[in-house]
PDB file of N, CA and C in Angstrom:
ATOM      1  N   MET A   1       0.849  -1.184   0.000  1.00  0.00           N
ATOM      2  CA  MET A   1       0.000   0.000   0.000  1.00  0.00           C
ATOM      3  C   MET A   1       0.890   1.241   0.000  1.00  0.00           C
ATOM      4  N   ASN A   2       0.505   2.199  -0.771  1.00  0.00           N
ATOM      5  CA  ASN A   2       1.211   3.471  -0.855  1.00  0.00           C
ATOM      6  C   ASN A   2       1.154   4.177   0.503  1.00  0.00           C
ATOM      7  N   PRO A   3       2.301   4.615   1.040  1.00  0.00           N
ATOM      8  CA  PRO A   3       2.293   5.298   2.342  1.00  0.00           C
ATOM      9  C   PRO A   3       1.393   6.533   2.371  1.00  0.00           C
ATOM     10  N   ASN A   4       1.313   7.262   1.250  1.00  0.00           N
ATOM     11  CA  ASN A   4       0.436   8.435   1.212  1.00  0.00           C
ATOM     12  C   ASN A   4      -1.025   8.024   1.325  1.00  0.00           C
ATOM     13  N   THR A   5      -1.377   6.915   0.687  1.00  0.00           N
ATOM     14  CA  THR A   5      -2.740   6.406   0.771  1.00  0.00           C
ATOM     15  C   THR A   5      -3.058   6.008   2.202  1.00  0.00           C
ATOM     16  N   LEU A   6      -2.148   5.301   2.854  1.00  0.00           N
ATOM     17  CA  LEU A   6      -2.359   4.896   4.241  1.00  0.00           C
ATOM     18  C   LEU A   6      -2.493   6.114   5.143  1.00  0.00           C
ATOM     19  N   THR A   7      -1.656   7.113   4.933  1.00  0.00           N
ATOM     20  CA  THR A   7      -1.738   8.340   5.724  1.00  0.00           C
ATOM     21  C   THR A   7      -3.091   9.010   5.537  1.00  0.00           C
ATOM     22  N   GLU A   8      -3.566   9.081   4.292  1.00  0.00           N
ATOM     23  CA  GLU A   8      -4.877   9.679   4.023  1.00  0.00           C
ATOM     24  C   GLU A   8      -5.986   8.865   4.680  1.00  0.00           C
ATOM     25  N   GLN A   9      -5.909   7.543   4.562  1.00  0.00           N
ATOM     26  CA  GLN A   9      -6.935   6.693   5.164  1.00  0.00           C
ATOM     27  C   GLN A   9      -6.965   6.857   6.681  1.00  0.00           C
ATOM     28  N   LEU A  10      -5.808   6.912   7.300  1.00  0.00           N
ATOM     29  CA  LEU A  10      -5.762   7.079   8.753  1.00  0.00           C
ATOM     30  C   LEU A  10      -6.276   8.453   9.171  1.00  0.00           C
ATOM     31  N   SER A  11      -5.968   9.473   8.392  1.00  0.00           N
ATOM     32  CA  SER A  11      -6.495  10.811   8.667  1.00  0.00           C
ATOM     33  C   SER A  11      -8.016  10.814   8.577  1.00  0.00           C
ATOM     34  N   LEU A  12      -8.552  10.176   7.543  1.00  0.00           N
ATOM     35  CA  LEU A  12     -10.006  10.075   7.402  1.00  0.00           C
ATOM     36  C   LEU A  12     -10.611   9.267   8.541  1.00  0.00           C
ATOM     37  N   PHE A  13      -9.952   8.171   8.918  1.00  0.00           N
ATOM     38  CA  PHE A  13     -10.429   7.358  10.035  1.00  0.00           C
ATOM     39  C   PHE A  13     -10.565   8.209  11.293  1.00  0.00           C
ATOM     40  N   LEU A  14      -9.545   8.990  11.594  1.00  0.00           N
ATOM     41  CA  LEU A  14      -9.587   9.840  12.787  1.00  0.00           C
ATOM     42  C   LEU A  14     -10.686  10.890  12.690  1.00  0.00           C
ATOM     43  N   ASP A  15     -10.871  11.456  11.506  1.00  0.00           N
ATOM     44  CA  ASP A  15     -11.932  12.458  11.332  1.00  0.00           C
ATOM     45  C   ASP A  15     -13.320  11.839  11.473  1.00  0.00           C
ATOM     46  N   VAL A  16     -13.518  10.648  10.916  1.00  0.00           N
ATOM     47  CA  VAL A  16     -14.810   9.970  11.072  1.00  0.00           C
ATOM     48  C   VAL A  16     -15.032   9.619  12.541  1.00  0.00           C
ATOM     49  N   LEU A  17     -13.997   9.140  13.201  1.00  0.00           N
ATOM     50  CA  LEU A  17     -14.092   8.811  14.620  1.00  0.00           C
ATOM     51  C   LEU A  17     -14.470  10.043  15.437  1.00  0.00           C
ATOM     52  N   GLU A  18     -13.836  11.160  15.143  1.00  0.00           N
ATOM     53  CA  GLU A  18     -14.084  12.400  15.886  1.00  0.00           C
ATOM     54  C   GLU A  18     -15.459  12.991  15.594  1.00  0.00           C
ATOM     55  N   THR A  19     -15.872  12.976  14.331  1.00  0.00           N
ATOM     56  CA  THR A  19     -17.119  13.645  13.951  1.00  0.00           C
ATOM     57  C   THR A  19     -18.342  12.737  14.006  1.00  0.00           C
ATOM     58  N   GLY A  20     -18.126  11.438  13.875  1.00  0.00           N
ATOM     59  CA  GLY A  20     -19.235  10.500  13.905  1.00  0.00           C
ATOM     60  C   GLY A  20     -19.983  10.362  12.600  1.00  0.00           C
ATOM     61  N   SER A  21     -19.443  10.940  11.514  1.00  0.00           N
ATOM     62  CA  SER A  21     -20.129  10.780  10.225  1.00  0.00           C
ATOM     63  C   SER A  21     -19.157  10.938   9.065  1.00  0.00           C
ATOM     64  N   PHE A  22     -19.497  10.258   7.968  1.00  0.00           N
ATOM     65  CA  PHE A  22     -18.708  10.397   6.753  1.00  0.00           C
ATOM     66  C   PHE A  22     -18.887  11.793   6.161  1.00  0.00           C
ATOM     67  N   SER A  23     -20.088  12.336   6.265  1.00  0.00           N
ATOM     68  CA  SER A  23     -20.360  13.672   5.708  1.00  0.00           C
ATOM     69  C   SER A  23     -19.527  14.738   6.399  1.00  0.00           C
ATOM     70  N   ALA A  24     -19.483  14.692   7.715  1.00  0.00           N
ATOM     71  CA  ALA A  24     -18.703  15.684   8.461  1.00  0.00           C
ATOM     72  C   ALA A  24     -17.211  15.524   8.175  1.00  0.00           C
ATOM     73  N   ALA A  25     -16.748  14.292   8.087  1.00  0.00           N
ATOM     74  CA  ALA A  25     -15.338  14.060   7.757  1.00  0.00           C
ATOM     75  C   ALA A  25     -15.028  14.561   6.351  1.00  0.00           C
ATOM     76  N   ALA A  26     -15.963  14.372   5.424  1.00  0.00           N
ATOM     77  CA  ALA A  26     -15.760  14.823   4.039  1.00  0.00           C
ATOM     78  C   ALA A  26     -15.613  16.335   3.965  1.00  0.00           C
ATOM     79  N   ARG A  27     -16.306  17.047   4.825  1.00  0.00           N
ATOM     80  CA  ARG A  27     -16.196  18.513   4.818  1.00  0.00           C
ATOM     81  C   ARG A  27     -14.801  18.985   5.223  1.00  0.00           C
ATOM     82  N   ARG A  28     -14.055  18.143   5.900  1.00  0.00           N
ATOM     83  CA  ARG A  28     -12.688  18.485   6.304  1.00  0.00           C
ATOM     84  C   ARG A  28     -11.667  18.182   5.209  1.00  0.00           C
ATOM     85  N   HIS A  29     -12.106  17.490   4.171  1.00  0.00           N
ATOM     86  CA  HIS A  29     -11.236  17.082   3.067  1.00  0.00           C
ATOM     87  C   HIS A  29     -11.921  17.455   1.758  1.00  0.00           C
ATOM     88  N   PRO A  30     -11.195  17.524   0.680  1.00  0.00           N
ATOM     89  CA  PRO A  30     -11.840  17.801  -0.614  1.00  0.00           C
ATOM     90  C   PRO A  30     -12.450  16.526  -1.207  1.00  0.00           C
ATOM     91  N   LEU A  31     -13.366  15.894  -0.451  1.00  0.00           N
ATOM     92  CA  LEU A  31     -13.962  14.622  -0.849  1.00  0.00           C
ATOM     93  C   LEU A  31     -15.468  14.644  -0.632  1.00  0.00           C
ATOM     94  N   THR A  32     -16.153  13.754  -1.319  1.00  0.00           N
ATOM     95  CA  THR A  32     -17.579  13.548  -1.066  1.00  0.00           C
ATOM     96  C   THR A  32     -17.723  12.507   0.047  1.00  0.00           C
ATOM     97  N   PRO A  33     -18.877  12.459   0.703  1.00  0.00           N
ATOM     98  CA  PRO A  33     -19.086  11.425   1.724  1.00  0.00           C
ATOM     99  C   PRO A  33     -18.913  10.003   1.176  1.00  0.00           C
ATOM    100  N   SER A  34     -19.341   9.763  -0.056  1.00  0.00           N
ATOM    101  CA  SER A  34     -19.177   8.417  -0.619  1.00  0.00           C
ATOM    102  C   SER A  34     -17.703   8.085  -0.854  1.00  0.00           C
ATOM    103  N   ALA A  35     -16.902   9.081  -1.196  1.00  0.00           N
ATOM    104  CA  ALA A  35     -15.458   8.853  -1.357  1.00  0.00           C
ATOM    105  C   ALA A  35     -14.816   8.524  -0.009  1.00  0.00           C
ATOM    106  N   VAL A  36     -15.255   9.206   1.039  1.00  0.00           N
ATOM    107  CA  VAL A  36     -14.759   8.894   2.386  1.00  0.00           C
ATOM    108  C   VAL A  36     -15.132   7.453   2.736  1.00  0.00           C
ATOM    109  N   ALA A  37     -16.366   7.071   2.480  1.00  0.00           N
ATOM    110  CA  ALA A  37     -16.821   5.711   2.785  1.00  0.00           C
ATOM    111  C   ALA A  37     -15.994   4.674   2.028  1.00  0.00           C
ATOM    112  N   ARG A  38     -15.697   4.934   0.763  1.00  0.00           N
ATOM    113  CA  ARG A  38     -14.878   3.999  -0.022  1.00  0.00           C
ATOM    114  C   ARG A  38     -13.472   3.876   0.564  1.00  0.00           C
ATOM    115  N   ARG A  39     -12.902   4.971   0.985  1.00  0.00           N
ATOM    116  CA  ARG A  39     -11.552   4.918   1.568  1.00  0.00           C
ATOM    117  C   ARG A  39     -11.558   4.189   2.912  1.00  0.00           C
ATOM    118  N   ILE A  40     -12.596   4.390   3.694  1.00  0.00           N
ATOM    119  CA  ILE A  40     -12.711   3.664   4.961  1.00  0.00           C
ATOM    120  C   ILE A  40     -12.921   2.174   4.677  1.00  0.00           C
ATOM    121  N   ASP A  41     -13.734   1.845   3.676  1.00  0.00           N
ATOM    122  CA  ASP A  41     -13.915   0.441   3.273  1.00  0.00           C
ATOM    123  C   ASP A  41     -12.573  -0.184   2.899  1.00  0.00           C
ATOM    124  N   SER A  42     -11.759   0.556   2.174  1.00  0.00           N
ATOM    125  CA  SER A  42     -10.445   0.059   1.768  1.00  0.00           C
ATOM    126  C   SER A  42      -9.547  -0.168   2.985  1.00  0.00           C
ATOM    127  N   LEU A  43      -9.575   0.762   3.928  1.00  0.00           N
ATOM    128  CA  LEU A  43      -8.789   0.604   5.157  1.00  0.00           C
ATOM    129  C   LEU A  43      -9.272  -0.621   5.927  1.00  0.00           C
ATOM    130  N   GLU A  44     -10.577  -0.798   6.020  1.00  0.00           N
ATOM    131  CA  GLU A  44     -11.128  -1.963   6.717  1.00  0.00           C
ATOM    132  C   GLU A  44     -10.691  -3.258   6.033  1.00  0.00           C
ATOM    133  N   SER A  45     -10.656  -3.264   4.718  1.00  0.00           N
ATOM    134  CA  SER A  45     -10.182  -4.446   3.985  1.00  0.00           C
ATOM    135  C   SER A  45      -8.720  -4.720   4.297  1.00  0.00           C
ATOM    136  N   SER A  46      -7.934  -3.665   4.394  1.00  0.00           N
ATOM    137  CA  SER A  46      -6.503  -3.817   4.678  1.00  0.00           C
ATOM    138  C   SER A  46      -6.253  -4.415   6.057  1.00  0.00           C
ATOM    139  N   VAL A  47      -7.041  -3.994   7.038  1.00  0.00           N
ATOM    140  CA  VAL A  47      -6.830  -4.499   8.402  1.00  0.00           C
ATOM    141  C   VAL A  47      -7.635  -5.767   8.673  1.00  0.00           C
ATOM    142  N   GLY A  48      -8.559  -6.104   7.764  1.00  0.00           N
ATOM    143  CA  GLY A  48      -9.325  -7.334   7.901  1.00  0.00           C
ATOM    144  C   GLY A  48     -10.424  -7.289   8.941  1.00  0.00           C
ATOM    145  N   SER A  49     -10.915  -6.088   9.239  1.00  0.00           N
ATOM    146  CA  SER A  49     -11.960  -5.951  10.253  1.00  0.00           C
ATOM    147  C   SER A  49     -12.752  -4.676  10.024  1.00  0.00           C
ATOM    148  N   ARG A  50     -14.031  -4.700  10.418  1.00  0.00           N
ATOM    149  CA  ARG A  50     -14.848  -3.485  10.369  1.00  0.00           C
ATOM    150  C   ARG A  50     -14.372  -2.562  11.484  1.00  0.00           C
ATOM    151  N   LEU A  51     -14.189  -1.300  11.161  1.00  0.00           N
ATOM    152  CA  LEU A  51     -13.732  -0.320  12.145  1.00  0.00           C
ATOM    153  C   LEU A  51     -14.883   0.499  12.706  1.00  0.00           C
ATOM    154  N   PHE A  52     -15.996   0.549  11.972  1.00  0.00           N
ATOM    155  CA  PHE A  52     -17.160   1.326  12.388  1.00  0.00           C
ATOM    156  C   PHE A  52     -18.424   0.506  12.187  1.00  0.00           C
ATOM    157  N   GLN A  53     -19.397   0.731  13.057  1.00  0.00           N
ATOM    158  CA  GLN A  53     -20.752   0.248  12.822  1.00  0.00           C
ATOM    159  C   GLN A  53     -21.476   1.384  12.133  1.00  0.00           C
ATOM    160  N   ARG A  54     -22.128   1.074  11.043  1.00  0.00           N
ATOM    161  CA  ARG A  54     -22.812   2.106  10.275  1.00  0.00           C
ATOM    162  C   ARG A  54     -24.310   2.050  10.525  1.00  0.00           C
ATOM    163  N   SER A  55     -24.927   3.226  10.631  1.00  0.00           N
ATOM    164  CA  SER A  55     -26.382   3.336  10.658  1.00  0.00           C
ATOM    165  C   SER A  55     -26.762   4.386   9.619  1.00  0.00           C
ATOM    166  N   THR A  56     -28.037   4.626   9.440  1.00  0.00           N
ATOM    167  CA  THR A  56     -28.451   5.617   8.449  1.00  0.00           C
ATOM    168  C   THR A  56     -28.141   7.036   8.893  1.00  0.00           C
ATOM    169  N   HIS A  57     -27.858   7.227  10.173  1.00  0.00           N
ATOM    170  CA  HIS A  57     -27.634   8.576  10.688  1.00  0.00           C
ATOM    171  C   HIS A  57     -26.220   8.826  11.213  1.00  0.00           C
ATOM    172  N   ALA A  58     -25.461   7.781  11.450  1.00  0.00           N
ATOM    173  CA  ALA A  58     -24.137   7.985  12.048  1.00  0.00           C
ATOM    174  C   ALA A  58     -23.282   6.735  11.871  1.00  0.00           C
ATOM    175  N   VAL A  59     -22.020   6.895  12.158  1.00  0.00           N
ATOM    176  CA  VAL A  59     -21.119   5.751  12.280  1.00  0.00           C
ATOM    177  C   VAL A  59     -20.675   5.694  13.729  1.00  0.00           C
ATOM    178  N   LEU A  60     -20.584   4.489  14.238  1.00  0.00           N
ATOM    179  CA  LEU A  60     -20.242   4.298  15.652  1.00  0.00           C
ATOM    180  C   LEU A  60     -18.956   3.516  15.775  1.00  0.00           C
TER     181      LEU A  60
END
């Protein structure tokens, strides 16, 4: 994995963790909420585990 990609994914992970939503994390980056979700999905695939529980209103 590209170190820059991992750094971006970890930054997004921390922002989602802090804000509780992909939309709020996306506002901190030049990304759409769906792009944030795809990057988090990729990070989860890399570590082999779900990092967040998703609901229609938030991520936990």
